[in-house]
């Protein structure tokens, strides 16, 4: 196992070379989040797994999040938009996207086909 830190829109790994990517509340911080999804799909090998936890747009738009946290204000997503972008890049859910903490976050897994 190895751990890498870098730019999710330009991952320094060969195509189809990674077995698993974990996104724990990162992609909603990326202004060009569709590019991040495309890059994750590029580095995942066939059958590779993306595990994700994200904060949806309607939560980021609340007064508490706008006032007390630093998040991009543009180009955010809801769970359904996130899932559609995953599918557009050949990442398909292994189950349903689950919402937790009264919709504060959504979690799921997608496998590269």
PDB file of N, CA and C in Angstrom:
ATOM      1  N   UNK A   1       0.843  -1.158   0.000  1.00  0.00           N
ATOM      2  CA  UNK A   1       0.000   0.000   0.000  1.00  0.00           C
ATOM      3  C   UNK A   1       0.893   1.227   0.000  1.00  0.00           C
ATOM      4  N   UNK A   2       0.447   2.259  -0.723  1.00  0.00           N
ATOM      5  CA  UNK A   2       1.158   3.532  -0.705  1.00  0.00           C
ATOM      6  C   UNK A   2       0.145   4.659  -0.579  1.00  0.00           C
ATOM      7  N   UNK A   3       0.588   5.749  -0.020  1.00  0.00           N
ATOM      8  CA  UNK A   3      -0.235   6.938   0.166  1.00  0.00           C
ATOM      9  C   UNK A   3       0.398   8.061  -0.623  1.00  0.00           C
ATOM     10  N   UNK A   4      -0.412   8.780  -1.384  1.00  0.00           N
ATOM     11  CA  UNK A   4       0.101   9.885  -2.192  1.00  0.00           C
ATOM     12  C   UNK A   4      -0.632  11.166  -1.849  1.00  0.00           C
ATOM     13  N   UNK A   5       0.073  12.264  -1.926  1.00  0.00           N
ATOM     14  CA  UNK A   5      -0.505  13.589  -1.752  1.00  0.00           C
ATOM     15  C   UNK A   5      -0.183  14.376  -3.010  1.00  0.00           C
ATOM     16  N   UNK A   6      -1.162  15.064  -3.563  1.00  0.00           N
ATOM     17  CA  UNK A   6      -0.910  15.828  -4.778  1.00  0.00           C
ATOM     18  C   UNK A   6      -2.163  16.507  -5.271  1.00  0.00           C
ATOM     19  N   UNK A   7      -2.152  16.891  -6.525  1.00  0.00           N
ATOM     20  CA  UNK A   7      -3.257  17.587  -7.172  1.00  0.00           C
ATOM     21  C   UNK A   7      -4.226  16.562  -7.753  1.00  0.00           C
ATOM     22  N   UNK A   8      -5.437  16.527  -7.247  1.00  0.00           N
ATOM     23  CA  UNK A   8      -6.417  15.538  -7.697  1.00  0.00           C
ATOM     24  C   UNK A   8      -6.824  15.757  -9.159  1.00  0.00           C
ATOM     25  N   UNK A   9      -6.549  16.929  -9.690  1.00  0.00           N
ATOM     26  CA  UNK A   9      -6.839  17.188 -11.108  1.00  0.00           C
ATOM     27  C   UNK A   9      -5.671  16.818 -12.015  1.00  0.00           C
ATOM     28  N   UNK A  10      -4.559  16.390 -11.408  1.00  0.00           N
ATOM     29  CA  UNK A  10      -3.365  15.992 -12.169  1.00  0.00           C
ATOM     30  C   UNK A  10      -2.580  14.988 -11.325  1.00  0.00           C
ATOM     31  N   UNK A  11      -3.127  13.790 -11.178  1.00  0.00           N
ATOM     32  CA  UNK A  11      -2.548  12.767 -10.310  1.00  0.00           C
ATOM     33  C   UNK A  11      -1.291  12.194 -10.957  1.00  0.00           C
ATOM     34  N   UNK A  12      -0.217  12.186 -10.198  1.00  0.00           N
ATOM     35  CA  UNK A  12       1.091  11.737 -10.705  1.00  0.00           C
ATOM     36  C   UNK A  12       1.211  10.215 -10.634  1.00  0.00           C
ATOM     37  N   UNK A  13       0.330   9.531 -11.344  1.00  0.00           N
ATOM     38  CA  UNK A  13       0.336   8.070 -11.436  1.00  0.00           C
ATOM     39  C   UNK A  13       0.009   7.693 -12.877  1.00  0.00           C
ATOM     40  N   UNK A  14       0.539   6.565 -13.352  1.00  0.00           N
ATOM     41  CA  UNK A  14       0.178   6.109 -14.699  1.00  0.00           C
ATOM     42  C   UNK A  14      -1.307   5.737 -14.776  1.00  0.00           C
ATOM     43  N   UNK A  15      -1.843   5.762 -15.964  1.00  0.00           N
ATOM     44  CA  UNK A  15      -3.233   5.345 -16.183  1.00  0.00           C
ATOM     45  C   UNK A  15      -3.422   3.892 -15.764  1.00  0.00           C
ATOM     46  N   UNK A  16      -4.586   3.610 -15.197  1.00  0.00           N
ATOM     47  CA  UNK A  16      -4.987   2.252 -14.805  1.00  0.00           C
ATOM     48  C   UNK A  16      -3.985   1.586 -13.870  1.00  0.00           C
ATOM     49  N   UNK A  17      -3.392   2.362 -12.955  1.00  0.00           N
ATOM     50  CA  UNK A  17      -2.349   1.815 -12.082  1.00  0.00           C
ATOM     51  C   UNK A  17      -2.731   1.755 -10.604  1.00  0.00           C
ATOM     52  N   UNK A  18      -3.926   2.187 -10.263  1.00  0.00           N
ATOM     53  CA  UNK A  18      -4.322   2.299  -8.858  1.00  0.00           C
ATOM     54  C   UNK A  18      -5.513   1.384  -8.604  1.00  0.00           C
ATOM     55  N   UNK A  19      -5.492   0.701  -7.453  1.00  0.00           N
ATOM     56  CA  UNK A  19      -6.591  -0.198  -7.092  1.00  0.00           C
ATOM     57  C   UNK A  19      -7.730   0.513  -6.372  1.00  0.00           C
ATOM     58  N   UNK A  20      -7.393   1.473  -5.496  1.00  0.00           N
ATOM     59  CA  UNK A  20      -8.400   2.140  -4.673  1.00  0.00           C
ATOM     60  C   UNK A  20      -8.048   3.607  -4.488  1.00  0.00           C
ATOM     61  N   UNK A  21      -9.067   4.453  -4.565  1.00  0.00           N
ATOM     62  CA  UNK A  21      -8.932   5.875  -4.239  1.00  0.00           C
ATOM     63  C   UNK A  21      -9.946   6.174  -3.144  1.00  0.00           C
ATOM     64  N   UNK A  22      -9.517   6.895  -2.110  1.00  0.00           N
ATOM     65  CA  UNK A  22     -10.405   7.297  -1.022  1.00  0.00           C
ATOM     66  C   UNK A  22     -10.559   8.811  -1.058  1.00  0.00           C
ATOM     67  N   UNK A  23     -11.793   9.261  -1.162  1.00  0.00           N
ATOM     68  CA  UNK A  23     -12.142  10.682  -1.135  1.00  0.00           C
ATOM     69  C   UNK A  23     -12.933  10.918   0.142  1.00  0.00           C
ATOM     70  N   UNK A  24     -12.288  11.506   1.129  1.00  0.00           N
ATOM     71  CA  UNK A  24     -12.972  11.799   2.390  1.00  0.00           C
ATOM     72  C   UNK A  24     -13.166  13.308   2.484  1.00  0.00           C
ATOM     73  N   UNK A  25     -14.223  13.781   1.841  1.00  0.00           N
ATOM     74  CA  UNK A  25     -14.577  15.192   1.917  1.00  0.00           C
ATOM     75  C   UNK A  25     -13.611  16.124   1.220  1.00  0.00           C
ATOM     76  N   UNK A  26     -13.079  15.711   0.080  1.00  0.00           N
ATOM     77  CA  UNK A  26     -12.088  16.525  -0.631  1.00  0.00           C
ATOM     78  C   UNK A  26     -12.660  17.150  -1.900  1.00  0.00           C
ATOM     79  N   UNK A  27     -13.382  16.391  -2.686  1.00  0.00           N
ATOM     80  CA  UNK A  27     -13.747  16.842  -4.028  1.00  0.00           C
ATOM     81  C   UNK A  27     -14.625  18.090  -4.002  1.00  0.00           C
ATOM     82  N   UNK A  28     -15.445  18.283  -2.963  1.00  0.00           N
ATOM     83  CA  UNK A  28     -16.260  19.504  -2.926  1.00  0.00           C
ATOM     84  C   UNK A  28     -15.411  20.761  -2.703  1.00  0.00           C
ATOM     85  N   UNK A  29     -14.137  20.604  -2.391  1.00  0.00           N
ATOM     86  CA  UNK A  29     -13.209  21.739  -2.280  1.00  0.00           C
ATOM     87  C   UNK A  29     -12.549  22.076  -3.613  1.00  0.00           C
ATOM     88  N   UNK A  30     -12.726  21.248  -4.616  1.00  0.00           N
ATOM     89  CA  UNK A  30     -12.039  21.403  -5.903  1.00  0.00           C
ATOM     90  C   UNK A  30     -12.951  22.176  -6.864  1.00  0.00           C
ATOM     91  N   UNK A  31     -12.543  23.380  -7.287  1.00  0.00           N
ATOM     92  CA  UNK A  31     -13.407  24.154  -8.190  1.00  0.00           C
ATOM     93  C   UNK A  31     -13.773  23.397  -9.467  1.00  0.00           C
ATOM     94  N   UNK A  32     -12.831  22.678 -10.066  1.00  0.00           N
ATOM     95  CA  UNK A  32     -13.112  21.895 -11.277  1.00  0.00           C
ATOM     96  C   UNK A  32     -13.300  20.427 -10.886  1.00  0.00           C
ATOM     97  N   UNK A  33     -14.305  20.171 -10.063  1.00  0.00           N
ATOM     98  CA  UNK A  33     -14.505  18.822  -9.543  1.00  0.00           C
ATOM     99  C   UNK A  33     -14.760  17.787 -10.645  1.00  0.00           C
ATOM    100  N   UNK A  34     -15.415  18.120 -11.787  1.00  0.00           N
ATOM    101  CA  UNK A  34     -15.533  17.095 -12.834  1.00  0.00           C
ATOM    102  C   UNK A  34     -14.173  16.629 -13.358  1.00  0.00           C
ATOM    103  N   UNK A  35     -13.193  17.528 -13.413  1.00  0.00           N
ATOM    104  CA  UNK A  35     -11.840  17.131 -13.826  1.00  0.00           C
ATOM    105  C   UNK A  35     -11.226  16.185 -12.795  1.00  0.00           C
ATOM    106  N   UNK A  36     -11.498  16.424 -11.521  1.00  0.00           N
ATOM    107  CA  UNK A  36     -11.000  15.525 -10.471  1.00  0.00           C
ATOM    108  C   UNK A  36     -11.566  14.115 -10.660  1.00  0.00           C
ATOM    109  N   UNK A  37     -12.858  14.020 -10.966  1.00  0.00           N
ATOM    110  CA  UNK A  37     -13.479  12.710 -11.215  1.00  0.00           C
ATOM    111  C   UNK A  37     -12.840  12.044 -12.431  1.00  0.00           C
ATOM    112  N   UNK A  38     -12.629  12.811 -13.490  1.00  0.00           N
ATOM    113  CA  UNK A  38     -12.004  12.264 -14.703  1.00  0.00           C
ATOM    114  C   UNK A  38     -10.613  11.728 -14.398  1.00  0.00           C
ATOM    115  N   UNK A  39      -9.866  12.443 -13.583  1.00  0.00           N
ATOM    116  CA  UNK A  39      -8.496  12.031 -13.257  1.00  0.00           C
ATOM    117  C   UNK A  39      -8.494  10.790 -12.367  1.00  0.00           C
ATOM    118  N   UNK A  40      -9.408  10.714 -11.426  1.00  0.00           N
ATOM    119  CA  UNK A  40      -9.534   9.510 -10.597  1.00  0.00           C
ATOM    120  C   UNK A  40      -9.872   8.313 -11.483  1.00  0.00           C
ATOM    121  N   UNK A  41     -10.809   8.497 -12.402  1.00  0.00           N
ATOM    122  CA  UNK A  41     -11.175   7.412 -13.321  1.00  0.00           C
ATOM    123  C   UNK A  41      -9.983   6.990 -14.175  1.00  0.00           C
ATOM    124  N   UNK A  42      -9.164   7.950 -14.575  1.00  0.00           N
ATOM    125  CA  UNK A  42      -7.990   7.633 -15.403  1.00  0.00           C
ATOM    126  C   UNK A  42      -7.014   6.728 -14.660  1.00  0.00           C
ATOM    127  N   UNK A  43      -6.738   7.017 -13.395  1.00  0.00           N
ATOM    128  CA  UNK A  43      -5.713   6.248 -12.675  1.00  0.00           C
ATOM    129  C   UNK A  43      -6.233   4.928 -12.122  1.00  0.00           C
ATOM    130  N   UNK A  44      -7.544   4.795 -11.939  1.00  0.00           N
ATOM    131  CA  UNK A  44      -8.082   3.523 -11.447  1.00  0.00           C
ATOM    132  C   UNK A  44      -8.003   2.462 -12.536  1.00  0.00           C
ATOM    133  N   UNK A  45      -7.535   1.293 -12.142  1.00  0.00           N
ATOM    134  CA  UNK A  45      -7.513   0.169 -13.063  1.00  0.00           C
ATOM    135  C   UNK A  45      -8.888  -0.466 -13.170  1.00  0.00           C
ATOM    136  N   UNK A  46      -9.090  -1.379 -14.127  1.00  0.00           N
ATOM    137  CA  UNK A  46     -10.362  -2.088 -14.246  1.00  0.00           C
ATOM    138  C   UNK A  46     -10.712  -2.770 -12.921  1.00  0.00           C
ATOM    139  N   UNK A  47     -11.919  -2.555 -12.458  1.00  0.00           N
ATOM    140  CA  UNK A  47     -12.347  -3.099 -11.174  1.00  0.00           C
ATOM    141  C   UNK A  47     -11.905  -2.270  -9.989  1.00  0.00           C
ATOM    142  N   UNK A  48     -11.151  -1.186 -10.243  1.00  0.00           N
ATOM    143  CA  UNK A  48     -10.693  -0.310  -9.162  1.00  0.00           C
ATOM    144  C   UNK A  48     -11.860   0.333  -8.441  1.00  0.00           C
ATOM    145  N   UNK A  49     -11.629   0.706  -7.196  1.00  0.00           N
ATOM    146  CA  UNK A  49     -12.696   1.170  -6.317  1.00  0.00           C
ATOM    147  C   UNK A  49     -12.451   2.598  -5.856  1.00  0.00           C
ATOM    148  N   UNK A  50     -13.490   3.421  -5.958  1.00  0.00           N
ATOM    149  CA  UNK A  50     -13.497   4.761  -5.366  1.00  0.00           C
ATOM    150  C   UNK A  50     -14.448   4.732  -4.183  1.00  0.00           C
ATOM    151  N   UNK A  51     -13.937   5.050  -3.009  1.00  0.00           N
ATOM    152  CA  UNK A  51     -14.756   5.203  -1.805  1.00  0.00           C
ATOM    153  C   UNK A  51     -14.866   6.696  -1.543  1.00  0.00           C
ATOM    154  N   UNK A  52     -16.081   7.193  -1.318  1.00  0.00           N
ATOM    155  CA  UNK A  52     -16.233   8.636  -1.161  1.00  0.00           C
ATOM    156  C   UNK A  52     -17.180   9.029  -0.038  1.00  0.00           C
ATOM    157  N   UNK A  53     -16.884  10.194   0.523  1.00  0.00           N
ATOM    158  CA  UNK A  53     -17.734  10.908   1.474  1.00  0.00           C
ATOM    159  C   UNK A  53     -17.663  12.357   1.051  1.00  0.00           C
ATOM    160  N   UNK A  54     -18.813  12.980   0.824  1.00  0.00           N
ATOM    161  CA  UNK A  54     -18.851  14.353   0.329  1.00  0.00           C
ATOM    162  C   UNK A  54     -19.967  15.155   0.984  1.00  0.00           C
ATOM    163  N   UNK A  55     -19.841  16.467   0.905  1.00  0.00           N
ATOM    164  CA  UNK A  55     -20.848  17.395   1.420  1.00  0.00           C
ATOM    165  C   UNK A  55     -21.603  17.975   0.221  1.00  0.00           C
ATOM    166  N   UNK A  56     -22.937  17.847   0.199  1.00  0.00           N
ATOM    167  CA  UNK A  56     -23.698  18.337  -0.947  1.00  0.00           C
ATOM    168  C   UNK A  56     -23.890  19.856  -0.939  1.00  0.00           C
ATOM    169  N   UNK A  57     -24.211  20.379  -2.118  1.00  0.00           N
ATOM    170  CA  UNK A  57     -24.390  21.818  -2.317  1.00  0.00           C
ATOM    171  C   UNK A  57     -25.392  22.424  -1.329  1.00  0.00           C
ATOM    172  N   UNK A  58     -26.541  21.780  -1.103  1.00  0.00           N
ATOM    173  CA  UNK A  58     -27.556  22.399  -0.240  1.00  0.00           C
ATOM    174  C   UNK A  58     -27.056  22.582   1.194  1.00  0.00           C
ATOM    175  N   UNK A  59     -26.111  21.776   1.632  1.00  0.00           N
ATOM    176  CA  UNK A  59     -25.510  21.966   2.958  1.00  0.00           C
ATOM    177  C   UNK A  59     -24.469  23.078   2.909  1.00  0.00           C
ATOM    178  N   UNK A  60     -23.657  23.097   1.858  1.00  0.00           N
ATOM    179  CA  UNK A  60     -22.654  24.159   1.717  1.00  0.00           C
ATOM    180  C   UNK A  60     -23.307  25.532   1.599  1.00  0.00           C
ATOM    181  N   UNK A  61     -24.560  25.589   1.140  1.00  0.00           N
ATOM    182  CA  UNK A  61     -25.279  26.853   0.996  1.00  0.00           C
ATOM    183  C   UNK A  61     -25.904  27.347   2.298  1.00  0.00           C
ATOM    184  N   UNK A  62     -25.839  26.561   3.364  1.00  0.00           N
ATOM    185  CA  UNK A  62     -26.435  27.009   4.626  1.00  0.00           C
ATOM    186  C   UNK A  62     -25.605  28.116   5.260  1.00  0.00           C
ATOM    187  N   UNK A  63     -26.255  28.918   6.074  1.00  0.00           N
ATOM    188  CA  UNK A  63     -25.597  30.043   6.742  1.00  0.00           C
ATOM    189  C   UNK A  63     -24.378  29.573   7.541  1.00  0.00           C
ATOM    190  N   UNK A  64     -24.514  28.488   8.267  1.00  0.00           N
ATOM    191  CA  UNK A  64     -23.410  27.993   9.102  1.00  0.00           C
ATOM    192  C   UNK A  64     -22.182  27.676   8.250  1.00  0.00           C
ATOM    193  N   UNK A  65     -22.366  26.945   7.167  1.00  0.00           N
ATOM    194  CA  UNK A  65     -21.220  26.601   6.312  1.00  0.00           C
ATOM    195  C   UNK A  65     -20.644  27.829   5.626  1.00  0.00           C
ATOM    196  N   UNK A  66     -21.522  28.724   5.129  1.00  0.00           N
ATOM    197  CA  UNK A  66     -21.019  29.926   4.454  1.00  0.00           C
ATOM    198  C   UNK A  66     -20.251  30.830   5.419  1.00  0.00           C
ATOM    199  N   UNK A  67     -20.675  30.872   6.668  1.00  0.00           N
ATOM    200  CA  UNK A  67     -20.078  31.786   7.647  1.00  0.00           C
ATOM    201  C   UNK A  67     -18.822  31.224   8.299  1.00  0.00           C
ATOM    202  N   UNK A  68     -18.809  29.952   8.620  1.00  0.00           N
ATOM    203  CA  UNK A  68     -17.743  29.400   9.456  1.00  0.00           C
ATOM    204  C   UNK A  68     -16.782  28.441   8.755  1.00  0.00           C
ATOM    205  N   UNK A  69     -16.973  28.198   7.473  1.00  0.00           N
ATOM    206  CA  UNK A  69     -16.062  27.299   6.762  1.00  0.00           C
ATOM    207  C   UNK A  69     -15.622  27.931   5.448  1.00  0.00           C
ATOM    208  N   UNK A  70     -14.532  27.430   4.917  1.00  0.00           N
ATOM    209  CA  UNK A  70     -14.010  27.920   3.635  1.00  0.00           C
ATOM    210  C   UNK A  70     -14.223  26.855   2.565  1.00  0.00           C
ATOM    211  N   UNK A  71     -15.140  27.127   1.673  1.00  0.00           N
ATOM    212  CA  UNK A  71     -15.437  26.218   0.567  1.00  0.00           C
ATOM    213  C   UNK A  71     -15.631  27.043  -0.695  1.00  0.00           C
ATOM    214  N   UNK A  72     -15.320  26.482  -1.858  1.00  0.00           N
ATOM    215  CA  UNK A  72     -15.627  27.192  -3.102  1.00  0.00           C
ATOM    216  C   UNK A  72     -17.126  27.493  -3.168  1.00  0.00           C
ATOM    217  N   UNK A  73     -17.472  28.629  -3.699  1.00  0.00           N
ATOM    218  CA  UNK A  73     -18.889  29.017  -3.797  1.00  0.00           C
ATOM    219  C   UNK A  73     -19.499  28.645  -5.145  1.00  0.00           C
ATOM    220  N   UNK A  74     -18.678  28.303  -6.103  1.00  0.00           N
ATOM    221  CA  UNK A  74     -19.155  27.994  -7.452  1.00  0.00           C
ATOM    222  C   UNK A  74     -18.987  26.505  -7.750  1.00  0.00           C
ATOM    223  N   UNK A  75     -19.778  26.034  -8.699  1.00  0.00           N
ATOM    224  CA  UNK A  75     -19.597  24.705  -9.281  1.00  0.00           C
ATOM    225  C   UNK A  75     -19.618  23.582  -8.240  1.00  0.00           C
ATOM    226  N   UNK A  76     -20.614  23.619  -7.358  1.00  0.00           N
ATOM    227  CA  UNK A  76     -20.768  22.557  -6.364  1.00  0.00           C
ATOM    228  C   UNK A  76     -21.815  21.560  -6.843  1.00  0.00           C
ATOM    229  N   UNK A  77     -22.068  20.512  -6.085  1.00  0.00           N
ATOM    230  CA  UNK A  77     -22.904  19.418  -6.588  1.00  0.00           C
ATOM    231  C   UNK A  77     -23.758  18.810  -5.494  1.00  0.00           C
ATOM    232  N   UNK A  78     -24.832  18.188  -5.933  1.00  0.00           N
ATOM    233  CA  UNK A  78     -25.659  17.326  -5.095  1.00  0.00           C
ATOM    234  C   UNK A  78     -25.239  15.882  -5.367  1.00  0.00           C
ATOM    235  N   UNK A  79     -25.705  14.960  -4.551  1.00  0.00           N
ATOM    236  CA  UNK A  79     -25.321  13.548  -4.682  1.00  0.00           C
ATOM    237  C   UNK A  79     -25.646  12.998  -6.068  1.00  0.00           C
ATOM    238  N   UNK A  80     -26.797  13.374  -6.614  1.00  0.00           N
ATOM    239  CA  UNK A  80     -27.205  12.849  -7.913  1.00  0.00           C
ATOM    240  C   UNK A  80     -26.278  13.342  -9.030  1.00  0.00           C
ATOM    241  N   UNK A  81     -25.847  14.593  -8.953  1.00  0.00           N
ATOM    242  CA  UNK A  81     -24.916  15.138  -9.950  1.00  0.00           C
ATOM    243  C   UNK A  81     -23.555  14.458  -9.842  1.00  0.00           C
ATOM    244  N   UNK A  82     -23.124  14.206  -8.616  1.00  0.00           N
ATOM    245  CA  UNK A  82     -21.859  13.519  -8.376  1.00  0.00           C
ATOM    246  C   UNK A  82     -21.913  12.117  -8.981  1.00  0.00           C
ATOM    247  N   UNK A  83     -23.003  11.393  -8.717  1.00  0.00           N
ATOM    248  CA  UNK A  83     -23.162  10.032  -9.245  1.00  0.00           C
ATOM    249  C   UNK A  83     -23.197  10.035 -10.772  1.00  0.00           C
ATOM    250  N   UNK A  84     -23.854  11.021 -11.372  1.00  0.00           N
ATOM    251  CA  UNK A  84     -23.913  11.108 -12.834  1.00  0.00           C
ATOM    252  C   UNK A  84     -22.526  11.343 -13.422  1.00  0.00           C
ATOM    253  N   UNK A  85     -21.724  12.172 -12.766  1.00  0.00           N
ATOM    254  CA  UNK A  85     -20.361  12.429 -13.255  1.00  0.00           C
ATOM    255  C   UNK A  85     -19.500  11.175 -13.115  1.00  0.00           C
ATOM    256  N   UNK A  86     -19.663  10.448 -12.015  1.00  0.00           N
ATOM    257  CA  UNK A  86     -18.942   9.182 -11.861  1.00  0.00           C
ATOM    258  C   UNK A  86     -19.282   8.246 -13.021  1.00  0.00           C
ATOM    259  N   UNK A  87     -20.571   8.081 -13.290  1.00  0.00           N
ATOM    260  CA  UNK A  87     -21.019   7.169 -14.349  1.00  0.00           C
ATOM    261  C   UNK A  87     -20.491   7.603 -15.712  1.00  0.00           C
ATOM    262  N   UNK A  88     -20.420   8.910 -15.944  1.00  0.00           N
ATOM    263  CA  UNK A  88     -19.910   9.427 -17.224  1.00  0.00           C
ATOM    264  C   UNK A  88     -18.475   8.984 -17.476  1.00  0.00           C
ATOM    265  N   UNK A  89     -17.753   8.679 -16.388  1.00  0.00           N
ATOM    266  CA  UNK A  89     -16.350   8.261 -16.498  1.00  0.00           C
ATOM    267  C   UNK A  89     -16.156   6.777 -16.197  1.00  0.00           C
ATOM    268  N   UNK A  90     -17.235   6.000 -16.293  1.00  0.00           N
ATOM    269  CA  UNK A  90     -17.124   4.555 -16.127  1.00  0.00           C
ATOM    270  C   UNK A  90     -17.002   4.090 -14.693  1.00  0.00           C
ATOM    271  N   UNK A  91     -17.421   4.927 -13.748  1.00  0.00           N
ATOM    272  CA  UNK A  91     -17.412   4.561 -12.326  1.00  0.00           C
ATOM    273  C   UNK A  91     -18.858   4.345 -11.901  1.00  0.00           C
ATOM    274  N   UNK A  92     -19.190   3.106 -11.582  1.00  0.00           N
ATOM    275  CA  UNK A  92     -20.577   2.763 -11.298  1.00  0.00           C
ATOM    276  C   UNK A  92     -20.722   2.289  -9.864  1.00  0.00           C
ATOM    277  N   UNK A  93     -21.798   2.741  -9.232  1.00  0.00           N
ATOM    278  CA  UNK A  93     -22.034   2.454  -7.829  1.00  0.00           C
ATOM    279  C   UNK A  93     -22.140   0.981  -7.523  1.00  0.00           C
ATOM    280  N   UNK A  94     -21.578   0.608  -6.385  1.00  0.00           N
ATOM    281  CA  UNK A  94     -21.686  -0.772  -5.916  1.00  0.00           C
ATOM    282  C   UNK A  94     -22.937  -0.933  -5.066  1.00  0.00           C
ATOM    283  N   UNK A  95     -23.614   0.142  -4.806  1.00  0.00           N
ATOM    284  CA  UNK A  95     -24.846   0.171  -4.020  1.00  0.00           C
ATOM    285  C   UNK A  95     -25.402   1.572  -4.108  1.00  0.00           C
ATOM    286  N   UNK A  96     -26.332   1.891  -3.255  1.00  0.00           N
ATOM    287  CA  UNK A  96     -26.901   3.235  -3.321  1.00  0.00           C
ATOM    288  C   UNK A  96     -26.007   4.231  -2.588  1.00  0.00           C
ATOM    289  N   UNK A  97     -26.146   5.492  -2.956  1.00  0.00           N
ATOM    290  CA  UNK A  97     -25.471   6.551  -2.205  1.00  0.00           C
ATOM    291  C   UNK A  97     -26.286   6.768  -0.943  1.00  0.00           C
ATOM    292  N   UNK A  98     -25.642   6.720   0.186  1.00  0.00           N
ATOM    293  CA  UNK A  98     -26.327   6.885   1.466  1.00  0.00           C
ATOM    294  C   UNK A  98     -26.116   8.293   1.991  1.00  0.00           C
ATOM    295  N   UNK A  99     -27.171   8.844   2.578  1.00  0.00           N
ATOM    296  CA  UNK A  99     -27.084  10.158   3.208  1.00  0.00           C
ATOM    297  C   UNK A  99     -27.057   9.952   4.716  1.00  0.00           C
ATOM    298  N   UNK A 100     -26.172  10.685   5.384  1.00  0.00           N
ATOM    299  CA  UNK A 100     -26.031  10.551   6.833  1.00  0.00           C
ATOM    300  C   UNK A 100     -26.090  11.912   7.506  1.00  0.00           C
ATOM    301  N   UNK A 101     -26.350  11.896   8.809  1.00  0.00           N
ATOM    302  CA  UNK A 101     -26.381  13.117   9.622  1.00  0.00           C
ATOM    303  C   UNK A 101     -27.355  14.130   9.033  1.00  0.00           C
ATOM    304  N   UNK A 102     -28.601  13.690   8.821  1.00  0.00           N
ATOM    305  CA  UNK A 102     -29.674  14.542   8.300  1.00  0.00           C
ATOM    306  C   UNK A 102     -29.306  15.157   6.954  1.00  0.00           C
ATOM    307  N   UNK A 103     -28.589  14.425   6.124  1.00  0.00           N
ATOM    308  CA  UNK A 103     -28.217  14.902   4.796  1.00  0.00           C
ATOM    309  C   UNK A 103     -26.975  15.753   4.755  1.00  0.00           C
ATOM    310  N   UNK A 104     -26.268  15.861   5.882  1.00  0.00           N
ATOM    311  CA  UNK A 104     -25.051  16.676   5.947  1.00  0.00           C
ATOM    312  C   UNK A 104     -23.967  16.143   5.020  1.00  0.00           C
ATOM    313  N   UNK A 105     -23.889  14.824   4.863  1.00  0.00           N
ATOM    314  CA  UNK A 105     -22.902  14.200   3.978  1.00  0.00           C
ATOM    315  C   UNK A 105     -23.572  13.064   3.206  1.00  0.00           C
ATOM    316  N   UNK A 106     -22.945  12.685   2.094  1.00  0.00           N
ATOM    317  CA  UNK A 106     -23.346  11.462   1.406  1.00  0.00           C
ATOM    318  C   UNK A 106     -22.105  10.606   1.197  1.00  0.00           C
ATOM    319  N   UNK A 107     -22.314   9.299   1.238  1.00  0.00           N
ATOM    320  CA  UNK A 107     -21.209   8.351   1.117  1.00  0.00           C
ATOM    321  C   UNK A 107     -21.580   7.268   0.112  1.00  0.00           C
ATOM    322  N   UNK A 108     -20.558   6.651  -0.456  1.00  0.00           N
ATOM    323  CA  UNK A 108     -20.806   5.563  -1.386  1.00  0.00           C
ATOM    324  C   UNK A 108     -19.513   4.979  -1.912  1.00  0.00           C
ATOM    325  N   UNK A 109     -19.676   4.060  -2.838  1.00  0.00           N
ATOM    326  CA  UNK A 109     -18.540   3.406  -3.485  1.00  0.00           C
ATOM    327  C   UNK A 109     -18.881   3.241  -4.954  1.00  0.00           C
ATOM    328  N   UNK A 110     -17.865   3.358  -5.793  1.00  0.00           N
ATOM    329  CA  UNK A 110     -18.042   3.165  -7.232  1.00  0.00           C
ATOM    330  C   UNK A 110     -16.869   2.354  -7.759  1.00  0.00           C
ATOM    331  N   UNK A 111     -17.171   1.440  -8.657  1.00  0.00           N
ATOM    332  CA  UNK A 111     -16.149   0.570  -9.225  1.00  0.00           C
ATOM    333  C   UNK A 111     -15.940   0.927 -10.694  1.00  0.00           C
ATOM    334  N   UNK A 112     -14.679   0.901 -11.130  1.00  0.00           N
ATOM    335  CA  UNK A 112     -14.318   1.207 -12.523  1.00  0.00           C
ATOM    336  C   UNK A 112     -14.642   0.008 -13.400  1.00  0.00           C
ATOM    337  N   UNK A 113     -15.382   0.261 -14.475  1.00  0.00           N
ATOM    338  CA  UNK A 113     -15.731  -0.823 -15.402  1.00  0.00           C
ATOM    339  C   UNK A 113     -14.785  -0.816 -16.588  1.00  0.00           C
TER     340      UNK A 113
END
